[in-house]
Amino acid sequence: MAVAIGLTGCDPGLPKGASDDLKINGFAEALTQNEFNALPPEQQYQVASKIYGTLFRGISAEDFFSLDQGITTLQPKSNDFLNETRQLLKNTLSNDELLEVNTLIEGLDEEGNPNEEDAKYSFDQDSDIDENEKAVQIPLARIKEYPISRDFYIQWMAYFLSNTIMYSPAIEMESTDTIDAQNMNRFLTAELKKGSSIRDMVRSNLPSLARWRVSRSSENHALEGYELYLGLFETEEDSVKGGVACKDFYLTDDSAGYVISTTNTPNTEPQLILDSFFITTCSDLYDVIAGHPLILPRAIEVLTNYFFSGRSRDDRVNIIESVKNAGPETYEEIFTALLFSKEYLLNTERPKSFEENLMPLLDRLKWSPEATQGSIGKRIFEFMASGTENPNGEGSGGGNILFLGNKGWQSMSLKIGRLPDVPLDALSFANYHKAIREQLLLNETSYDGSRLDIPGLIYIGDGDDADENLRDVVAQLDLIDYVHFLYLNVLHRKASAEEISGLIEIYDNLGYVQLDTNGDQAFIPNTNNNRHNDISDVTFDYISRLPEFYYFKAIN
């Protein structure tokens, strides 16, 4: 039995599920409901969309505002939005509700087996279980379809963590495969659902096959334990000693299936590591790492670096200290503290990841995979989240453009996880812009509601785009308010007077508008097309070229 000098830990107690929110003071204090309500309506919507967008979800203008009387004066539907959203993220879905949404996603039959013909989405069909990447893809479908709830929140947190250095299954490596991604996702969702402490989750993950398949040797296993979970990167001597403690374990080679095996010659000589702790066995090493005082600051640091990408080091240190002083024990507490902090919601501007931009648009534009046969149809998540290889698309490789790897943002693939900064190099951003513009914004049939029995943003799903098939919320809008409606749903603000003037000139040149009896520009009626979808095309094409479209903006 090893002796740990000064080892600090905590009793995690019984699984507790969703916890009460931390009471945070200082730099990371939460935005209050009163402070939210004091913002102008457009800024309230921008903050609401930042919360939802960070979670890969969207809240449409008509869901946030009362638009029965048009858009001239915006009035939020609720004066308790922040509190309501916090509560939704604590509410647990019933088993029947979970079965219903999982059946929708995968088309489950009576025995619980997926049936692609009845499913809303299609995933990798590779018969080689080691190569099938469905495990990387289905988390995004669940994030898209689960009602806003704790079950949804767990899916998002698990996906987020599996793309960090702490829990990436690193399926790019020769010694790993997609089964590791599946096992990691299951581990994270199960532990998050139980409300397991960070210390317990790290302690459970360290001896796992998924972790050993990434580290691959006893010495490297110790080194990565220090780096990933304690943030200690100058540990050469300590890594050697940790390797000695773990010397009876090793990872077999490819011919033996990359499994953990043992030499049956465990270490018996105590090793002093990190200047404070004596360890003899690998289990002792795991206990030291999981119980170390640095484990919680490191967990907060990793998540803070993503949320506050681009902020100064001093700012991030202040945020970490503020959250740490509140005494979080779970990842859920840290995520919630950062997500609802005033500093994030009001004072932080950062680029949106591809998921943070595309997936909320799917909600806000009322997109349907059944409305299009392109790469943004049923196979959308297969194309996006293939972890290692660019999938073949329909037609002339159309799926390639959605592939996250083309944007430097591979899913569950990289050994070090995703870097905190969204890649904005020329090639990555060109693929990002091209994918979201061409596959969604200019592909109006995927969201406009002109297909039979598939209502959308503009039409009721009667099979055409005539005037009588406009949705009520759209039919009441004149041309200028319709442009504001489009802007709100995509940019979370109304169009400026200059933008309105410039866009109407373009509409006029294209023959989409004419002067009405009052001398105002209005839609040109057409027996086959009332021009609302044409105008959305032009408007969204313009918006896709605005830098602000690719950023979460700061309010202050």
Foldseek 3Di string as FASTA:
>chain_A
DWDFFPFFFDDQPFQDFDDDAFCFDDLLGFDDLVNLLPDAPLLNLLLVLLLQLVLLAAQAQVNQFVQPVFDPHTDGPDSCVVVVLVVQLRADDDPVLVVVQVCQAFVADPVGDGDNVNHQFDAFPDPPPQAGQVLQQVLLVLLLGRDRHNLNVQSSVLQVVCQALQNQLQCQDPLGGNVLSNVSSVLSSVCNRSNHFLLVSLLVPLVDLSLCSLQFAQLSSLQSLCCNQQVDNPFNVQSVLSRLQAVQWGFDDVVVRRGIHGPPDGFDDWDDGPNGITGGHNSSSSNSSSRHPRRQLSLLLRVLCQLQPPDDPVSSVRNSVRQVVSPDGHNVNSVVSNSRTCCRSAPGKAFRALSSQQSNLCNRFLFGLVQDPFCCHNHVSNLAASQHDHDATPDHRRSNLNHSVQLVQHGSNRNNGRRSHRDDPPRNVVSSLCCRLVVPQLPCSRACLLAAPRHHNFFGRNNAAALVGGDPSQNVDWPQSLQQSLCCSQVSGGDDPVVSVVLVVVCVVVPQWDQDPVRDIGGDHDPGHRCSSVSSSSSSNVVSPDPSSRMSDHND
